[in-house]
Amino acid sequence: MIGKVIREERMKRKITSKAFAETIGIDNGFLTHIEKGERNPSRTVLNKICKELDLSYDFMLSLLQNSLSDVSADYDVTTYTPTNKVLYAENISLIECPKLSDSVSFVTRMPDASMEPIIMKDSLLHIKYTSFINSGDICIVVLNNKTLIREFKSNKETIKLIPGNSSYETIKINPGKDSLDIIGKIIAY
């Protein structure tokens, strides 16, 4: 997966593999192996690749450490996190965090009643910043420029965002029309 992303981003910029390999200080043959998924770059090389292609190092590192679920790969719902976007948060302060705090990227409040009775409105949500979501996970997403917290359900035919509260509608994702960015997974609430 990481090789595919590197190759696609390099080609979007119309950079030859030879020129790119020279720029990041590796052999062209090694770059070819990385792009084919036969070898993985070191963290140092990955950092150079990310800087050259303006990619998020954290996201690319997570590609090395995790594998996509088959459904995510089939529907290509994982989007690249551009480095020109950052998380916006108001009233930033430190709070006590559960023992799993090394996995928590940020905390926010549940903005509405859409996940009740599972998650109550105004509950603190501990979120791991990741785009690797499995069917059944509760996640935070941006769907067509609207931020939602929903249960992610998928199979070979469909992807759905399901509320806990039946007064909210289940959303069926249309891969050709909908813009879906997965921000993270709710790991505690």
Protein backbone atom coordinates (compact mmCIF):
# COMPACT_ATOMS: atom_id res chain seq x y z
CA MET A 1 0.00 0.00 0.00
CA ILE A 2 2.72 2.51 0.93
CA GLY A 3 4.52 1.89 -2.37
CA LYS A 4 1.33 2.53 -4.31
CA VAL A 5 0.80 5.87 -2.52
CA ILE A 6 4.41 6.94 -3.12
CA ARG A 7 4.24 6.01 -6.82
CA GLU A 8 0.87 7.75 -7.35
CA GLU A 9 2.04 10.94 -5.61
CA ARG A 10 5.36 10.97 -7.49
CA MET A 11 3.62 10.47 -10.82
CA LYS A 12 1.04 13.20 -10.05
CA ARG A 13 3.99 15.57 -9.81
CA LYS A 14 5.48 14.21 -13.06
CA ILE A 15 8.77 13.27 -11.40
CA THR A 16 10.72 10.38 -12.89
CA SER A 17 11.73 7.59 -10.54
CA LYS A 18 15.40 8.27 -11.33
CA ALA A 19 15.11 11.98 -10.47
CA PHE A 20 13.09 11.27 -7.33
CA ALA A 21 15.55 8.61 -6.13
CA GLU A 22 18.42 11.09 -6.59
CA THR A 23 16.52 13.81 -4.71
CA ILE A 24 15.88 11.60 -1.68
CA GLY A 25 19.34 10.01 -1.80
CA ILE A 26 18.57 6.37 -2.63
CA ASP A 27 19.24 4.03 -5.52
CA ASN A 28 16.60 4.02 -8.28
CA GLY A 29 16.33 0.21 -8.01
CA PHE A 30 15.53 0.49 -4.29
CA LEU A 31 12.81 3.08 -5.06
CA THR A 32 11.34 0.68 -7.63
CA HIS A 33 11.22 -2.10 -5.00
CA ILE A 34 9.49 0.27 -2.54
CA GLU A 35 6.90 1.36 -5.12
CA LYS A 36 6.18 -2.28 -6.05
CA GLY A 37 5.68 -3.15 -2.37
CA GLU A 38 8.66 -5.52 -2.34
CA ARG A 39 10.68 -3.49 0.21
CA ASN A 40 9.93 -0.87 2.84
CA PRO A 41 11.79 2.39 3.30
CA SER A 42 13.63 3.19 6.53
CA ARG A 43 12.08 5.92 8.68
CA THR A 44 14.79 8.31 7.49
CA VAL A 45 14.01 7.59 3.83
CA LEU A 46 10.28 7.74 4.52
CA ASN A 47 10.73 11.17 6.11
CA LYS A 48 12.57 12.41 2.99
CA ILE A 49 9.85 10.97 0.75
CA CYS A 50 7.12 12.69 2.77
CA LYS A 51 8.90 16.06 2.68
CA GLU A 52 9.47 15.84 -1.07
CA LEU A 53 5.90 14.77 -1.86
CA ASP A 54 4.23 16.94 0.83
CA LEU A 55 2.66 13.91 2.54
CA SER A 56 1.86 13.40 6.21
CA TYR A 57 4.71 11.43 7.81
CA ASP A 58 2.39 10.09 10.53
CA PHE A 59 -0.07 8.80 7.94
CA MET A 60 2.64 7.18 5.83
CA LEU A 61 4.24 5.63 8.91
CA SER A 62 0.87 4.16 9.84
CA LEU A 63 0.75 2.53 6.41
CA LEU A 64 3.99 0.76 7.27
CA GLN A 65 2.70 -0.38 10.65
CA ASN A 66 -0.88 -1.34 9.73
CA SER A 67 -2.57 -3.14 6.91
CA LEU A 68 -5.83 -1.96 5.39
CA SER A 69 -8.92 -4.10 5.82
CA ASP A 70 -10.04 -5.72 2.57
CA VAL A 71 -13.18 -3.57 2.52
CA SER A 72 -11.22 -0.33 2.91
CA ALA A 73 -8.92 -1.35 0.10
CA ASP A 74 -11.82 -2.44 -2.15
CA TYR A 75 -13.66 0.86 -1.76
CA ASP A 76 -10.57 3.06 -1.44
CA VAL A 77 -12.20 4.94 1.45
CA THR A 78 -8.84 5.76 3.00
CA THR A 79 -7.82 9.20 1.90
CA TYR A 80 -4.40 10.75 2.14
CA THR A 81 -4.13 13.38 4.82
CA PRO A 82 -2.52 16.42 3.20
CA THR A 83 -0.03 18.33 5.31
CA ASN A 84 -1.75 21.63 4.52
CA LYS A 85 -4.71 20.64 6.75
CA VAL A 86 -4.62 20.46 10.53
CA LEU A 87 -7.09 19.65 13.26
CA TYR A 88 -8.90 22.75 14.55
CA ALA A 89 -9.82 22.70 18.23
CA GLU A 90 -11.29 25.32 20.53
CA ASN A 91 -10.60 25.70 24.25
CA ILE A 92 -7.43 23.64 24.20
CA SER A 93 -6.51 22.30 27.64
CA LEU A 94 -4.99 19.16 29.16
CA ILE A 95 -7.30 16.63 30.77
CA GLU A 96 -6.83 13.35 32.62
CA CYS A 97 -6.66 10.47 30.18
CA PRO A 98 -7.25 6.74 30.67
CA LYS A 99 -4.29 4.32 30.76
CA LEU A 100 -4.54 3.93 26.98
CA SER A 101 -3.39 7.54 26.59
CA ASP A 102 -0.45 6.57 24.37
CA SER A 103 -3.07 5.67 21.73
CA VAL A 104 -5.14 8.86 22.14
CA SER A 105 -4.42 11.57 19.59
CA PHE A 106 -7.07 14.04 20.73
CA VAL A 107 -10.24 14.40 22.78
CA THR A 108 -13.48 16.10 21.81
CA ARG A 109 -17.07 16.18 23.03
CA MET A 110 -19.92 14.30 21.42
CA PRO A 111 -21.71 17.17 19.65
CA ASP A 112 -25.20 15.70 19.38
CA ALA A 113 -27.49 12.83 20.38
CA SER A 114 -26.86 10.78 17.21
CA MET A 115 -25.04 7.97 19.05
CA GLU A 116 -27.30 7.73 22.12
CA PRO A 117 -27.69 5.50 24.10
CA ILE A 118 -24.18 4.19 23.22
CA ILE A 119 -22.50 7.61 23.60
CA MET A 120 -24.36 10.42 25.31
CA LYS A 121 -24.31 14.01 24.05
CA ASP A 122 -21.41 16.01 25.58
CA SER A 123 -19.49 12.84 26.54
CA LEU A 124 -15.72 13.11 26.13
CA LEU A 125 -14.51 11.05 23.18
CA HIS A 126 -10.92 9.79 23.17
CA ILE A 127 -9.89 9.52 19.54
CA LYS A 128 -6.97 7.82 17.86
CA TYR A 129 -5.98 9.65 14.69
CA THR A 130 -6.08 6.91 12.03
CA SER A 131 -7.76 6.16 8.75
CA PHE A 132 -7.77 2.41 9.40
CA ILE A 133 -11.32 1.60 10.42
CA ASN A 134 -12.90 -1.84 10.66
CA SER A 135 -16.56 -2.64 10.28
CA GLY A 136 -18.23 -2.07 13.66
CA ASP A 137 -15.81 0.66 14.83
CA ILE A 138 -17.19 4.00 15.97
CA CYS A 139 -15.33 6.72 14.16
CA ILE A 140 -15.16 10.41 13.40
CA VAL A 141 -15.42 11.22 9.70
CA VAL A 142 -15.91 14.17 7.42
CA LEU A 143 -18.59 13.31 4.88
CA ASN A 144 -19.17 15.91 2.19
CA ASN A 145 -17.69 18.65 4.46
CA LYS A 146 -19.78 17.65 7.49
CA THR A 147 -18.16 16.11 10.58
CA LEU A 148 -20.00 13.05 11.93
CA ILE A 149 -19.48 10.45 14.64
CA ARG A 150 -21.01 7.15 13.61
CA GLU A 151 -20.55 3.40 13.60
CA PHE A 152 -18.75 2.30 10.43
CA LYS A 153 -20.34 -0.75 8.77
CA SER A 154 -19.09 -2.30 5.58
CA ASN A 155 -19.27 -5.37 3.42
CA LYS A 156 -18.31 -6.11 -0.17
CA GLU A 157 -21.25 -4.07 -1.57
CA THR A 158 -21.78 -1.12 0.77
CA ILE A 159 -20.34 1.22 3.33
CA LYS A 160 -22.74 2.72 5.87
CA LEU A 161 -22.46 5.22 8.72
CA ILE A 162 -24.93 4.11 11.36
CA PRO A 163 -26.17 6.25 14.26
CA GLY A 164 -26.92 4.72 17.66
CA ASN A 165 -30.08 6.80 17.86
CA SER A 166 -32.88 5.60 15.55
CA SER A 167 -34.19 9.15 15.07
CA TYR A 168 -31.08 9.84 12.94
CA GLU A 169 -30.75 8.36 9.46
CA THR A 170 -28.28 5.68 8.41
CA ILE A 171 -26.07 7.06 5.66
CA LYS A 172 -25.11 4.83 2.73
CA ILE A 173 -21.86 6.01 1.13
CA ASN A 174 -21.83 6.45 -2.63
CA PRO A 175 -18.13 6.01 -3.59
CA GLY A 176 -18.59 7.89 -6.87
CA LYS A 177 -20.35 10.93 -5.38
CA ASP A 178 -19.53 11.20 -1.68
CA SER A 179 -16.33 12.64 -0.26
CA LEU A 180 -15.38 10.63 2.82
CA ASP A 181 -12.36 11.44 5.00
CA ILE A 182 -11.80 9.18 7.98
CA ILE A 183 -10.29 11.22 10.80
CA GLY A 184 -10.02 8.67 13.57
CA LYS A 185 -11.40 5.88 15.67
CA ILE A 186 -13.19 6.42 19.00
CA ILE A 187 -11.19 4.32 21.47
CA ALA A 188 -12.82 5.43 24.74
CA TYR A 189 -15.84 7.46 25.89
